Amino acid sequence: KSGQQVMVEEENTLVVRSGGKRKREEGEEEGCKYLRLERRAPQKLLRKFRLPENANAASITAKCENGVVTVVVEKLPPPPKPKTVEVAIS
């Protein structure tokens, strides 16, 4: 389990959380690579984002690469446009 966590709360709030745990040496930890660490103590991070109404919460993906967490939120397909049907008079 990595130190980062991405979840959806209340169906429209995206929560990105980091436990602040890091190794001291250069390398790779739990799937996350990094080249440099700051000297200050690691801090916990919590960010919340409101998702748009057309966000597909079921297909959200997240990955951690080179110390950067990338979250992809897909849009739901637009609703079909109403079609006018011609009425035949007999």
PDB file of N, CA and C in Angstrom:
ATOM      1  N   LYS A   1       0.854  -1.187   0.000  1.00  0.00           N
ATOM      2  CA  LYS A   1       0.000   0.000   0.000  1.00  0.00           C
ATOM      3  C   LYS A   1       0.890   1.237   0.000  1.00  0.00           C
ATOM      4  N   SER A   2       0.630   2.181  -0.882  1.00  0.00           N
ATOM      5  CA  SER A   2       1.456   3.381  -0.971  1.00  0.00           C
ATOM      6  C   SER A   2       0.997   4.416   0.037  1.00  0.00           C
ATOM      7  N   GLY A   3       1.802   5.480   0.198  1.00  0.00           N
ATOM      8  CA  GLY A   3       1.454   6.552   1.120  1.00  0.00           C
ATOM      9  C   GLY A   3       0.379   7.475   0.572  1.00  0.00           C
ATOM     10  N   GLN A   4       0.046   7.335  -0.716  1.00  0.00           N
ATOM     11  CA  GLN A   4      -0.978   8.179  -1.328  1.00  0.00           C
ATOM     12  C   GLN A   4      -2.300   7.420  -1.359  1.00  0.00           C
ATOM     13  N   GLN A   5      -3.382   8.171  -1.241  1.00  0.00           N
ATOM     14  CA  GLN A   5      -4.707   7.567  -1.290  1.00  0.00           C
ATOM     15  C   GLN A   5      -5.628   8.517  -2.048  1.00  0.00           C
ATOM     16  N   VAL A   6      -6.376   7.975  -2.997  1.00  0.00           N
ATOM     17  CA  VAL A   6      -7.332   8.763  -3.772  1.00  0.00           C
ATOM     18  C   VAL A   6      -8.686   8.078  -3.629  1.00  0.00           C
ATOM     19  N   MET A   7      -9.701   8.848  -3.206  1.00  0.00           N
ATOM     20  CA  MET A   7     -11.029   8.262  -3.057  1.00  0.00           C
ATOM     21  C   MET A   7     -12.099   9.290  -3.396  1.00  0.00           C
ATOM     22  N   VAL A   8     -13.308   8.794  -3.596  1.00  0.00           N
ATOM     23  CA  VAL A   8     -14.448   9.653  -3.900  1.00  0.00           C
ATOM     24  C   VAL A   8     -15.404   9.591  -2.717  1.00  0.00           C
ATOM     25  N   GLU A   9     -15.740  10.771  -2.180  1.00  0.00           N
ATOM     26  CA  GLU A   9     -16.689  10.871  -1.073  1.00  0.00           C
ATOM     27  C   GLU A   9     -17.969  11.534  -1.575  1.00  0.00           C
ATOM     28  N   GLU A  10     -19.088  11.089  -1.064  1.00  0.00           N
ATOM     29  CA  GLU A  10     -20.389  11.695  -1.366  1.00  0.00           C
ATOM     30  C   GLU A  10     -20.654  11.805  -2.864  1.00  0.00           C
ATOM     31  N   GLU A  11     -20.086  10.904  -3.638  1.00  0.00           N
ATOM     32  CA  GLU A  11     -20.298  10.783  -5.088  1.00  0.00           C
ATOM     33  C   GLU A  11     -19.786  11.944  -5.924  1.00  0.00           C
ATOM     34  N   ASN A  12     -19.389  13.075  -5.309  1.00  0.00           N
ATOM     35  CA  ASN A  12     -18.940  14.194  -6.139  1.00  0.00           C
ATOM     36  C   ASN A  12     -17.722  14.915  -5.559  1.00  0.00           C
ATOM     37  N   THR A  13     -17.073  14.338  -4.552  1.00  0.00           N
ATOM     38  CA  THR A  13     -15.894  14.968  -3.966  1.00  0.00           C
ATOM     39  C   THR A  13     -14.707  14.027  -4.087  1.00  0.00           C
ATOM     40  N   LEU A  14     -13.684  14.479  -4.806  1.00  0.00           N
ATOM     41  CA  LEU A  14     -12.454  13.698  -4.971  1.00  0.00           C
ATOM     42  C   LEU A  14     -11.491  14.084  -3.857  1.00  0.00           C
ATOM     43  N   VAL A  15     -10.993  13.098  -3.114  1.00  0.00           N
ATOM     44  CA  VAL A  15     -10.102  13.347  -1.983  1.00  0.00           C
ATOM     45  C   VAL A  15      -8.744  12.727  -2.292  1.00  0.00           C
ATOM     46  N   VAL A  16      -7.682  13.554  -2.232  1.00  0.00           N
ATOM     47  CA  VAL A  16      -6.307  13.085  -2.428  1.00  0.00           C
ATOM     48  C   VAL A  16      -5.597  13.255  -1.090  1.00  0.00           C
ATOM     49  N   ARG A  17      -5.056  12.147  -0.580  1.00  0.00           N
ATOM     50  CA  ARG A  17      -4.455  12.158   0.743  1.00  0.00           C
ATOM     51  C   ARG A  17      -3.077  11.503   0.668  1.00  0.00           C
ATOM     52  N   SER A  18      -2.112  12.071   1.385  1.00  0.00           N
ATOM     53  CA  SER A  18      -0.772  11.493   1.466  1.00  0.00           C
ATOM     54  C   SER A  18      -0.393  11.368   2.930  1.00  0.00           C
ATOM     55  N   GLY A  19       0.133  10.203   3.285  1.00  0.00           N
ATOM     56  CA  GLY A  19       0.523   9.965   4.669  1.00  0.00           C
ATOM     57  C   GLY A  19       1.817  10.638   5.054  1.00  0.00           C
ATOM     58  N   GLY A  20       2.587  11.127   4.074  1.00  0.00           N
ATOM     59  CA  GLY A  20       3.839  11.817   4.367  1.00  0.00           C
ATOM     60  C   GLY A  20       4.983  10.903   4.698  1.00  0.00           C
ATOM     61  N   LYS A  21       4.843   9.589   4.455  1.00  0.00           N
ATOM     62  CA  LYS A  21       5.927   8.652   4.753  1.00  0.00           C
ATOM     63  C   LYS A  21       6.853   8.545   3.549  1.00  0.00           C
ATOM     64  N   ARG A  22       8.148   8.730   3.777  1.00  0.00           N
ATOM     65  CA  ARG A  22       9.133   8.646   2.686  1.00  0.00           C
ATOM     66  C   ARG A  22      10.404   8.002   3.200  1.00  0.00           C
ATOM     67  N   LYS A  23      11.130   7.364   2.302  1.00  0.00           N
ATOM     68  CA  LYS A  23      12.457   6.850   2.649  1.00  0.00           C
ATOM     69  C   LYS A  23      13.446   8.005   2.667  1.00  0.00           C
ATOM     70  N   ARG A  24      14.539   7.825   3.361  1.00  0.00           N
ATOM     71  CA  ARG A  24      15.544   8.879   3.421  1.00  0.00           C
ATOM     72  C   ARG A  24      16.497   8.824   2.225  1.00  0.00           C
ATOM     73  N   GLU A  25      16.734   7.642   1.704  1.00  0.00           N
ATOM     74  CA  GLU A  25      17.687   7.535   0.600  1.00  0.00           C
ATOM     75  C   GLU A  25      16.981   7.609  -0.749  1.00  0.00           C
ATOM     76  N   GLU A  26      17.776   7.865  -1.769  1.00  0.00           N
ATOM     77  CA  GLU A  26      17.242   7.939  -3.130  1.00  0.00           C
ATOM     78  C   GLU A  26      16.825   6.550  -3.567  1.00  0.00           C
ATOM     79  N   GLY A  27      15.722   6.438  -4.271  1.00  0.00           N
ATOM     80  CA  GLY A  27      15.327   5.129  -4.758  1.00  0.00           C
ATOM     81  C   GLY A  27      13.858   5.023  -5.047  1.00  0.00           C
ATOM     82  N   GLU A  28      13.348   3.819  -4.832  1.00  0.00           N
ATOM     83  CA  GLU A  28      11.959   3.540  -5.180  1.00  0.00           C
ATOM     84  C   GLU A  28      11.283   2.938  -3.962  1.00  0.00           C
ATOM     85  N   GLU A  29      10.079   3.420  -3.665  1.00  0.00           N
ATOM     86  CA  GLU A  29       9.338   2.915  -2.511  1.00  0.00           C
ATOM     87  C   GLU A  29       7.893   2.683  -2.887  1.00  0.00           C
ATOM     88  N   GLU A  30       7.445   1.471  -2.741  1.00  0.00           N
ATOM     89  CA  GLU A  30       6.040   1.118  -2.931  1.00  0.00           C
ATOM     90  C   GLU A  30       5.484   1.642  -4.249  1.00  0.00           C
ATOM     91  N   GLY A  31       6.231   1.517  -5.333  1.00  0.00           N
ATOM     92  CA  GLY A  31       5.741   1.912  -6.638  1.00  0.00           C
ATOM     93  C   GLY A  31       5.956   3.371  -6.977  1.00  0.00           C
ATOM     94  N   CYS A  32       6.450   4.206  -6.047  1.00  0.00           N
ATOM     95  CA  CYS A  32       6.684   5.621  -6.310  1.00  0.00           C
ATOM     96  C   CYS A  32       8.182   5.883  -6.352  1.00  0.00           C
ATOM     97  N   LYS A  33       8.642   6.479  -7.444  1.00  0.00           N
ATOM     98  CA  LYS A  33      10.058   6.820  -7.583  1.00  0.00           C
ATOM     99  C   LYS A  33      10.240   8.298  -7.292  1.00  0.00           C
ATOM    100  N   TYR A  34      11.374   8.653  -6.723  1.00  0.00           N
ATOM    101  CA  TYR A  34      11.693  10.052  -6.500  1.00  0.00           C
ATOM    102  C   TYR A  34      13.200  10.226  -6.545  1.00  0.00           C
ATOM    103  N   LEU A  35      13.654  11.434  -6.860  1.00  0.00           N
ATOM    104  CA  LEU A  35      15.074  11.722  -6.972  1.00  0.00           C
ATOM    105  C   LEU A  35      15.590  12.545  -5.803  1.00  0.00           C
ATOM    106  N   ARG A  36      14.743  13.376  -5.207  1.00  0.00           N
ATOM    107  CA  ARG A  36      15.190  14.273  -4.152  1.00  0.00           C
ATOM    108  C   ARG A  36      14.107  14.433  -3.099  1.00  0.00           C
ATOM    109  N   LEU A  37      14.523  14.521  -1.865  1.00  0.00           N
ATOM    110  CA  LEU A  37      13.584  14.768  -0.780  1.00  0.00           C
ATOM    111  C   LEU A  37      13.987  16.041  -0.067  1.00  0.00           C
ATOM    112  N   GLU A  38      13.003  16.782   0.429  1.00  0.00           N
ATOM    113  CA  GLU A  38      13.317  17.967   1.212  1.00  0.00           C
ATOM    114  C   GLU A  38      13.747  17.536   2.607  1.00  0.00           C
ATOM    115  N   ARG A  39      14.542  18.383   3.270  1.00  0.00           N
ATOM    116  CA  ARG A  39      15.056  18.029   4.587  1.00  0.00           C
ATOM    117  C   ARG A  39      14.018  18.134   5.697  1.00  0.00           C
ATOM    118  N   ARG A  40      13.013  18.970   5.496  1.00  0.00           N
ATOM    119  CA  ARG A  40      12.012  19.109   6.554  1.00  0.00           C
ATOM    120  C   ARG A  40      11.237  17.800   6.706  1.00  0.00           C
ATOM    121  N   ALA A  41      10.619  17.652   7.854  1.00  0.00           N
ATOM    122  CA  ALA A  41       9.874  16.424   8.127  1.00  0.00           C
ATOM    123  C   ALA A  41       8.709  16.289   7.146  1.00  0.00           C
ATOM    124  N   PRO A  42       8.453  15.080   6.638  1.00  0.00           N
ATOM    125  CA  PRO A  42       7.326  14.889   5.723  1.00  0.00           C
ATOM    126  C   PRO A  42       6.019  15.274   6.404  1.00  0.00           C
ATOM    127  N   GLN A  43       5.156  15.924   5.653  1.00  0.00           N
ATOM    128  CA  GLN A  43       3.879  16.358   6.205  1.00  0.00           C
ATOM    129  C   GLN A  43       2.741  15.633   5.517  1.00  0.00           C
ATOM    130  N   LYS A  44       1.666  15.474   6.260  1.00  0.00           N
ATOM    131  CA  LYS A  44       0.478  14.873   5.670  1.00  0.00           C
ATOM    132  C   LYS A  44      -0.191  15.897   4.766  1.00  0.00           C
ATOM    133  N   LEU A  45      -0.797  15.403   3.692  1.00  0.00           N
ATOM    134  CA  LEU A  45      -1.435  16.273   2.709  1.00  0.00           C
ATOM    135  C   LEU A  45      -2.871  15.798   2.516  1.00  0.00           C
ATOM    136  N   LEU A  46      -3.792  16.745   2.463  1.00  0.00           N
ATOM    137  CA  LEU A  46      -5.184  16.417   2.193  1.00  0.00           C
ATOM    138  C   LEU A  46      -5.767  17.496   1.292  1.00  0.00           C
ATOM    139  N   ARG A  47      -6.244  17.099   0.121  1.00  0.00           N
ATOM    140  CA  ARG A  47      -6.862  18.034  -0.812  1.00  0.00           C
ATOM    141  C   ARG A  47      -8.199  17.451  -1.253  1.00  0.00           C
ATOM    142  N   LYS A  48      -9.204  18.315  -1.361  1.00  0.00           N
ATOM    143  CA  LYS A  48     -10.527  17.889  -1.828  1.00  0.00           C
ATOM    144  C   LYS A  48     -10.918  18.717  -3.047  1.00  0.00           C
ATOM    145  N   PHE A  49     -11.487  18.043  -4.040  1.00  0.00           N
ATOM    146  CA  PHE A  49     -11.914  18.690  -5.279  1.00  0.00           C
ATOM    147  C   PHE A  49     -13.352  18.267  -5.565  1.00  0.00           C
ATOM    148  N   ARG A  50     -14.192  19.230  -5.912  1.00  0.00           N
ATOM    149  CA  ARG A  50     -15.570  18.901  -6.283  1.00  0.00           C
ATOM    150  C   ARG A  50     -15.588  18.469  -7.747  1.00  0.00           C
ATOM    151  N   LEU A  51     -16.147  17.305  -7.994  1.00  0.00           N
ATOM    152  CA  LEU A  51     -16.220  16.779  -9.354  1.00  0.00           C
ATOM    153  C   LEU A  51     -17.405  17.401 -10.089  1.00  0.00           C
ATOM    154  N   PRO A  52     -17.271  17.624 -11.399  1.00  0.00           N
ATOM    155  CA  PRO A  52     -18.406  18.133 -12.177  1.00  0.00           C
ATOM    156  C   PRO A  52     -19.503  17.070 -12.277  1.00  0.00           C
ATOM    157  N   GLU A  53     -20.695  17.505 -12.625  1.00  0.00           N
ATOM    158  CA  GLU A  53     -21.836  16.580 -12.700  1.00  0.00           C
ATOM    159  C   GLU A  53     -21.632  15.485 -13.741  1.00  0.00           C
ATOM    160  N   ASN A  54     -20.855  15.774 -14.787  1.00  0.00           N
ATOM    161  CA  ASN A  54     -20.672  14.773 -15.848  1.00  0.00           C
ATOM    162  C   ASN A  54     -19.448  13.889 -15.617  1.00  0.00           C
ATOM    163  N   ALA A  55     -18.892  13.878 -14.395  1.00  0.00           N
ATOM    164  CA  ALA A  55     -17.738  13.020 -14.101  1.00  0.00           C
ATOM    165  C   ALA A  55     -18.199  11.586 -13.882  1.00  0.00           C
ATOM    166  N   ASN A  56     -17.449  10.636 -14.445  1.00  0.00           N
ATOM    167  CA  ASN A  56     -17.745   9.212 -14.272  1.00  0.00           C
ATOM    168  C   ASN A  56     -16.915   8.696 -13.098  1.00  0.00           C
ATOM    169  N   ALA A  57     -17.488   8.709 -11.900  1.00  0.00           N
ATOM    170  CA  ALA A  57     -16.754   8.320 -10.688  1.00  0.00           C
ATOM    171  C   ALA A  57     -16.316   6.862 -10.727  1.00  0.00           C
ATOM    172  N   ALA A  58     -17.009   6.020 -11.485  1.00  0.00           N
ATOM    173  CA  ALA A  58     -16.670   4.599 -11.550  1.00  0.00           C
ATOM    174  C   ALA A  58     -15.392   4.333 -12.339  1.00  0.00           C
ATOM    175  N   SER A  59     -14.953   5.293 -13.155  1.00  0.00           N
ATOM    176  CA  SER A  59     -13.787   5.035 -14.001  1.00  0.00           C
ATOM    177  C   SER A  59     -12.580   5.903 -13.635  1.00  0.00           C
ATOM    178  N   ILE A  60     -12.539   6.460 -12.429  1.00  0.00           N
ATOM    179  CA  ILE A  60     -11.402   7.289 -12.019  1.00  0.00           C
ATOM    180  C   ILE A  60     -10.181   6.405 -11.816  1.00  0.00           C
ATOM    181  N   THR A  61      -9.040   6.849 -12.357  1.00  0.00           N
ATOM    182  CA  THR A  61      -7.782   6.124 -12.169  1.00  0.00           C
ATOM    183  C   THR A  61      -6.744   7.078 -11.585  1.00  0.00           C
ATOM    184  N   ALA A  62      -5.775   6.508 -10.869  1.00  0.00           N
ATOM    185  CA  ALA A  62      -4.700   7.310 -10.285  1.00  0.00           C
ATOM    186  C   ALA A  62      -3.406   6.522 -10.352  1.00  0.00           C
ATOM    187  N   LYS A  63      -2.301   7.228 -10.611  1.00  0.00           N
ATOM    188  CA  LYS A  63      -1.001   6.562 -10.605  1.00  0.00           C
ATOM    189  C   LYS A  63       0.037   7.522 -10.041  1.00  0.00           C
ATOM    190  N   CYS A  64       1.070   6.947  -9.440  1.00  0.00           N
ATOM    191  CA  CYS A  64       2.161   7.736  -8.873  1.00  0.00           C
ATOM    192  C   CYS A  64       3.413   7.432  -9.683  1.00  0.00           C
ATOM    193  N   GLU A  65       4.005   8.463 -10.286  1.00  0.00           N
ATOM    194  CA  GLU A  65       5.201   8.290 -11.105  1.00  0.00           C
ATOM    195  C   GLU A  65       6.144   9.454 -10.859  1.00  0.00           C
ATOM    196  N   ASN A  66       7.377   9.136 -10.477  1.00  0.00           N
ATOM    197  CA  ASN A  66       8.392  10.147 -10.181  1.00  0.00           C
ATOM    198  C   ASN A  66       7.918  11.152  -9.133  1.00  0.00           C
ATOM    199  N   GLY A  67       7.189  10.659  -8.139  1.00  0.00           N
ATOM    200  CA  GLY A  67       6.735  11.523  -7.051  1.00  0.00           C
ATOM    201  C   GLY A  67       5.525  12.370  -7.369  1.00  0.00           C
ATOM    202  N   VAL A  68       4.922  12.184  -8.561  1.00  0.00           N
ATOM    203  CA  VAL A  68       3.752  12.968  -8.964  1.00  0.00           C
ATOM    204  C   VAL A  68       2.548  12.028  -9.059  1.00  0.00           C
ATOM    205  N   VAL A  69       1.483  12.378  -8.362  1.00  0.00           N
ATOM    206  CA  VAL A  69       0.249  11.599  -8.435  1.00  0.00           C
ATOM    207  C   VAL A  69      -0.619  12.201  -9.530  1.00  0.00           C
ATOM    208  N   THR A  70      -0.969  11.384 -10.524  1.00  0.00           N
ATOM    209  CA  THR A  70      -1.819  11.821 -11.625  1.00  0.00           C
ATOM    210  C   THR A  70      -3.165  11.126 -11.503  1.00  0.00           C
ATOM    211  N   VAL A  71      -4.236  11.917 -11.455  1.00  0.00           N
ATOM    212  CA  VAL A  71      -5.591  11.392 -11.345  1.00  0.00           C
ATOM    213  C   VAL A  71      -6.319  11.708 -12.644  1.00  0.00           C
ATOM    214  N   VAL A  72      -6.939  10.694 -13.252  1.00  0.00           N
ATOM    215  CA  VAL A  72      -7.687  10.874 -14.497  1.00  0.00           C
ATOM    216  C   VAL A  72      -9.164  10.641 -14.203  1.00  0.00           C
ATOM    217  N   VAL A  73      -9.973  11.657 -14.506  1.00  0.00           N
ATOM    218  CA  VAL A  73     -11.425  11.580 -14.311  1.00  0.00           C
ATOM    219  C   VAL A  73     -12.076  11.676 -15.685  1.00  0.00           C
ATOM    220  N   GLU A  74     -12.750  10.603 -16.094  1.00  0.00           N
ATOM    221  CA  GLU A  74     -13.414  10.608 -17.394  1.00  0.00           C
ATOM    222  C   GLU A  74     -14.791  11.255 -17.282  1.00  0.00           C
ATOM    223  N   LYS A  75     -15.247  11.811 -18.396  1.00  0.00           N
ATOM    224  CA  LYS A  75     -16.584  12.403 -18.453  1.00  0.00           C
ATOM    225  C   LYS A  75     -17.587  11.345 -18.887  1.00  0.00           C
ATOM    226  N   LEU A  76     -18.800  11.481 -18.391  1.00  0.00           N
ATOM    227  CA  LEU A  76     -19.891  10.634 -18.866  1.00  0.00           C
ATOM    228  C   LEU A  76     -20.283  11.098 -20.261  1.00  0.00           C
ATOM    229  N   PRO A  77     -20.747  10.191 -21.122  1.00  0.00           N
ATOM    230  CA  PRO A  77     -21.174  10.637 -22.462  1.00  0.00           C
ATOM    231  C   PRO A  77     -22.373  11.576 -22.335  1.00  0.00           C
ATOM    232  N   PRO A  78     -22.460  12.563 -23.224  1.00  0.00           N
ATOM    233  CA  PRO A  78     -23.592  13.504 -23.148  1.00  0.00           C
ATOM    234  C   PRO A  78     -24.906  12.776 -23.407  1.00  0.00           C
ATOM    235  N   PRO A  79     -25.993  13.245 -22.816  1.00  0.00           N
ATOM    236  CA  PRO A  79     -27.285  12.593 -23.067  1.00  0.00           C
ATOM    237  C   PRO A  79     -27.677  12.775 -24.532  1.00  0.00           C
ATOM    238  N   PRO A  80     -28.409  11.810 -25.091  1.00  0.00           N
ATOM    239  CA  PRO A  80     -28.801  11.942 -26.499  1.00  0.00           C
ATOM    240  C   PRO A  80     -29.712  13.148 -26.690  1.00  0.00           C
ATOM    241  N   LYS A  81     -29.513  13.820 -27.818  1.00  0.00           N
ATOM    242  CA  LYS A  81     -30.334  14.997 -28.117  1.00  0.00           C
ATOM    243  C   LYS A  81     -31.741  14.544 -28.497  1.00  0.00           C
ATOM    244  N   PRO A  82     -32.738  15.330 -28.105  1.00  0.00           N
ATOM    245  CA  PRO A  82     -34.108  14.941 -28.486  1.00  0.00           C
ATOM    246  C   PRO A  82     -34.278  14.983 -30.000  1.00  0.00           C
ATOM    247  N   LYS A  83     -35.023  14.020 -30.510  1.00  0.00           N
ATOM    248  CA  LYS A  83     -35.235  13.939 -31.956  1.00  0.00           C
ATOM    249  C   LYS A  83     -36.706  14.199 -32.242  1.00  0.00           C
ATOM    250  N   THR A  84     -36.954  15.080 -33.191  1.00  0.00           N
ATOM    251  CA  THR A  84     -38.329  15.388 -33.577  1.00  0.00           C
ATOM    252  C   THR A  84     -38.789  14.348 -34.587  1.00  0.00           C
ATOM    253  N   VAL A  85     -39.929  13.752 -34.304  1.00  0.00           N
ATOM    254  CA  VAL A  85     -40.499  12.746 -35.201  1.00  0.00           C
ATOM    255  C   VAL A  85     -41.692  13.377 -35.904  1.00  0.00           C
ATOM    256  N   GLU A  86     -41.681  13.265 -37.214  1.00  0.00           N
ATOM    257  CA  GLU A  86     -42.780  13.852 -37.980  1.00  0.00           C
ATOM    258  C   GLU A  86     -44.030  12.987 -37.845  1.00  0.00           C
ATOM    259  N   VAL A  87     -45.149  13.632 -37.571  1.00  0.00           N
ATOM    260  CA  VAL A  87     -46.396  12.888 -37.387  1.00  0.00           C
ATOM    261  C   VAL A  87     -47.140  12.884 -38.735  1.00  0.00           C
ATOM    262  N   ALA A  88     -47.450  11.677 -39.180  1.00  0.00           N
ATOM    263  CA  ALA A  88     -48.177  11.542 -40.447  1.00  0.00           C
ATOM    264  C   ALA A  88     -49.677  11.677 -40.174  1.00  0.00           C
ATOM    265  N   ILE A  89     -50.350  12.498 -40.960  1.00  0.00           N
ATOM    266  CA  ILE A  89     -51.794  12.688 -40.811  1.00  0.00           C
ATOM    267  C   ILE A  89     -52.486  11.874 -41.894  1.00  0.00           C
ATOM    268  N   SER A  90     -53.418  11.004 -41.454  1.00  0.00           N
ATOM    269  CA  SER A  90     -54.108  10.157 -42.444  1.00  0.00           C
ATOM    270  C   SER A  90     -55.592  10.442 -42.474  1.00  0.00           C
TER     271      SER A  90
END
